[in-house]
C-alpha atoms as a PDB file:
ATOM      1  CA  MET A   1      64.282 189.982 158.050  1.00  0.00           C
ATOM      2  CA  THR A   2      67.934 188.937 158.308  1.00  0.00           C
ATOM      3  CA  ASP A   3      69.583 186.274 156.206  1.00  0.00           C
ATOM      4  CA  PRO A   4      70.010 182.948 158.011  1.00  0.00           C
ATOM      5  CA  LYS A   5      73.575 182.302 159.098  1.00  0.00           C
ATOM      6  CA  GLN A   6      75.191 179.217 157.602  1.00  0.00           C
ATOM      7  CA  ILE A   7      77.453 177.164 159.843  1.00  0.00           C
ATOM      8  CA  ASN A   8      79.555 174.265 158.548  1.00  0.00           C
ATOM      9  CA  PHE A   9      80.278 171.439 160.963  1.00  0.00           C
ATOM     10  CA  THR A  10      81.136 167.742 161.140  1.00  0.00           C
ATOM     11  CA  ILE A  11      79.096 165.311 163.230  1.00  0.00           C
ATOM     12  CA  VAL A  12      81.237 162.770 165.090  1.00  0.00           C
ATOM     13  CA  PRO A  13      79.525 159.806 166.794  1.00  0.00           C
ATOM     14  CA  GLY A  14      80.086 159.898 170.539  1.00  0.00           C
ATOM     15  CA  GLU A  15      81.792 156.837 171.947  1.00  0.00           C
ATOM     16  CA  SER A  16      81.161 155.426 175.399  1.00  0.00           C
ATOM     17  CA  PRO A  17      82.506 152.335 177.169  1.00  0.00           C
ATOM     18  CA  ASP A  18      79.040 150.724 176.912  1.00  0.00           C
ATOM     19  CA  ASP A  19      78.994 150.934 173.103  1.00  0.00           C
ATOM     20  CA  ARG A  20      79.216 147.593 171.387  1.00  0.00           C
ATOM     21  CA  ARG A  21      78.835 146.405 167.844  1.00  0.00           C
ATOM     22  CA  THR A  22      75.823 144.377 166.768  1.00  0.00           C
ATOM     23  CA  TYR A  23      76.267 141.676 164.134  1.00  0.00           C
ATOM     24  CA  ALA A  24      73.642 141.200 161.409  1.00  0.00           C
ATOM     25  CA  ASN A  25      73.845 139.230 158.179  1.00  0.00           C
ATOM     26  CA  PHE A  26      70.398 140.030 156.776  1.00  0.00           C
ATOM     27  CA  CYS A  27      68.546 143.294 156.217  1.00  0.00           C
ATOM     28  CA  ALA A  28      64.853 143.631 155.432  1.00  0.00           C
ATOM     29  CA  ILE A  29      63.764 146.968 153.958  1.00  0.00           C
ATOM     30  CA  ALA A  30      60.332 148.582 154.220  1.00  0.00           C
ATOM     31  CA  HIS A  31      59.064 152.090 153.623  1.00  0.00           C
ATOM     32  CA  THR A  32      56.165 154.452 154.109  1.00  0.00           C
ATOM     33  CA  PRO A  33      55.617 157.740 152.277  1.00  0.00           C
ATOM     34  CA  PHE A  34      57.631 159.377 155.084  1.00  0.00           C
ATOM     35  CA  ASP A  35      60.458 157.043 156.094  1.00  0.00           C
ATOM     36  CA  LEU A  36      62.549 153.978 155.310  1.00  0.00           C
ATOM     37  CA  THR A  37      62.928 151.170 157.850  1.00  0.00           C
ATOM     38  CA  LEU A  38      65.967 148.878 157.860  1.00  0.00           C
ATOM     39  CA  THR A  39      65.476 145.767 160.015  1.00  0.00           C
ATOM     40  CA  PHE A  40      68.761 143.969 160.673  1.00  0.00           C
ATOM     41  CA  CYS A  41      68.607 140.298 161.636  1.00  0.00           C
ATOM     42  CA  GLU A  42      71.064 137.538 162.429  1.00  0.00           C
ATOM     43  CA  VAL A  43      70.360 134.406 160.427  1.00  0.00           C
ATOM     44  CA  LEU A  44      71.952 131.477 162.235  1.00  0.00           C
ATOM     45  CA  PRO A  45      72.722 128.061 160.720  1.00  0.00           C
ATOM     46  CA  LEU A  46      69.525 126.028 160.574  1.00  0.00           C
ATOM     47  CA  THR A  47      69.005 122.903 162.648  1.00  0.00           C
ATOM     48  CA  GLU A  48      67.245 119.828 161.260  1.00  0.00           C
ATOM     49  CA  ARG A  49      64.054 121.007 162.989  1.00  0.00           C
ATOM     50  CA  ASP A  50      64.423 124.499 161.456  1.00  0.00           C
ATOM     51  CA  LEU A  51      64.922 122.960 158.017  1.00  0.00           C
ATOM     52  CA  LYS A  52      61.753 120.852 158.349  1.00  0.00           C
ATOM     53  CA  GLU A  53      59.739 123.887 159.475  1.00  0.00           C
ATOM     54  CA  ALA A  54      61.159 126.003 156.642  1.00  0.00           C
ATOM     55  CA  GLU A  55      60.343 123.284 154.161  1.00  0.00           C
ATOM     56  CA  ALA A  56      56.744 123.095 155.393  1.00  0.00           C
ATOM     57  CA  GLN A  57      56.057 126.802 155.978  1.00  0.00           C
ATOM     58  CA  HIS A  58      58.582 128.414 153.591  1.00  0.00           C
ATOM     59  CA  VAL A  59      59.558 130.774 156.434  1.00  0.00           C
ATOM     60  CA  VAL A  60      62.727 131.067 158.513  1.00  0.00           C
ATOM     61  CA  HIS A  61      62.515 133.195 161.643  1.00  0.00           C
ATOM     62  CA  ALA A  62      65.578 135.282 162.477  1.00  0.00           C
ATOM     63  CA  PRO A  63      66.101 137.392 165.599  1.00  0.00           C
ATOM     64  CA  VAL A  64      66.006 141.148 165.040  1.00  0.00           C
ATOM     65  CA  ARG A  65      69.266 142.758 166.143  1.00  0.00           C
ATOM     66  CA  ALA A  66      68.407 146.378 165.277  1.00  0.00           C
ATOM     67  CA  ARG A  67      65.674 148.375 163.569  1.00  0.00           C
ATOM     68  CA  VAL A  68      66.618 151.758 162.123  1.00  0.00           C
ATOM     69  CA  VAL A  69      64.055 154.228 160.793  1.00  0.00           C
ATOM     70  CA  LEU A  70      65.379 156.951 158.458  1.00  0.00           C
ATOM     71  CA  PRO A  71      63.584 159.994 157.088  1.00  0.00           C
ATOM     72  CA  LEU A  72      63.309 159.686 153.293  1.00  0.00           C
ATOM     73  CA  PRO A  73      65.412 162.818 152.573  1.00  0.00           C
ATOM     74  CA  MET A  74      68.365 161.050 154.239  1.00  0.00           C
ATOM     75  CA  VAL A  75      68.225 157.987 151.945  1.00  0.00           C
ATOM     76  CA  PRO A  76      70.059 159.419 148.871  1.00  0.00           C
ATOM     77  CA  SER A  77      72.999 160.487 151.074  1.00  0.00           C
ATOM     78  CA  LEU A  78      73.092 157.041 152.695  1.00  0.00           C
ATOM     79  CA  ILE A  79      73.095 155.356 149.281  1.00  0.00           C
ATOM     80  CA  ALA A  80      75.910 157.622 148.066  1.00  0.00           C
ATOM     81  CA  ALA A  81      77.977 156.921 151.208  1.00  0.00           C
ATOM     82  CA  LEU A  82      77.475 153.151 150.860  1.00  0.00           C
ATOM     83  CA  GLN A  83      78.451 153.288 147.183  1.00  0.00           C
ATOM     84  CA  GLU A  84      81.606 155.240 148.021  1.00  0.00           C
ATOM     85  CA  HIS A  85      82.588 152.775 150.757  1.00  0.00           C
ATOM     86  CA  ALA A  86      81.901 149.859 148.390  1.00  0.00           C
ATOM     87  CA  ARG A  87      84.100 151.492 145.732  1.00  0.00           C
ATOM     88  CA  VAL A  88      86.945 152.041 148.200  1.00  0.00           C
ATOM     89  CA  PHE A  89      86.632 148.461 149.486  1.00  0.00           C
ATOM     90  CA  SER A  90      86.701 147.062 145.947  1.00  0.00           C
ATOM     91  CA  ASP A  91      89.747 149.171 145.075  1.00  0.00           C
ATOM     92  CA  GLN A  92      91.625 148.006 148.192  1.00  0.00           C
ATOM     93  CA  ALA A  93      90.767 144.307 148.057  1.00  0.00           C
ATOM     94  CA  PRO A  94      89.877 143.341 144.454  1.00  0.00           C
ATOM     95  CA  ALA A  95      91.154 139.770 144.873  1.00  0.00           C
ATOM     96  CA  GLU A  96      88.869 138.931 147.789  1.00  0.00           C
ATOM     97  CA  GLY A  97      85.852 140.767 146.411  1.00  0.00           C
ATOM     98  CA  TRP A  98      82.511 140.827 148.156  1.00  0.00           C
ATOM     99  CA  GLY A  99      82.111 137.090 148.532  1.00  0.00           C
ATOM    100  CA  LYS A 100      79.535 134.828 146.958  1.00  0.00           C
ATOM    101  CA  GLY A 101      76.588 135.289 149.368  1.00  0.00           C
ATOM    102  CA  PRO A 102      73.060 136.281 148.376  1.00  0.00           C
ATOM    103  CA  VAL A 103      72.133 139.916 147.885  1.00  0.00           C
ATOM    104  CA  HIS A 104      68.915 141.113 149.567  1.00  0.00           C
END
């Protein structure tokens, strides 16, 4: 049996003219023993009707903008990458900071 050959490479996301960004300001997280699901939603300002419903039901419905399912072995690398980006952001813009919004 031969030794497996190791190849180093960088993955670069392919760009196409149809690609567009999707805005989300809320992320719900769920998991199974096999994967982690990130559900990104856009929470819009509430109308008077929305406020009354939320007051009665204690629920605010937000449209799902994207749902991403990740295999669990990928999660530690994602966490490390997010921490590194947060560190770089904080170093570059300490005065502005992260803002005063809720953390979910």
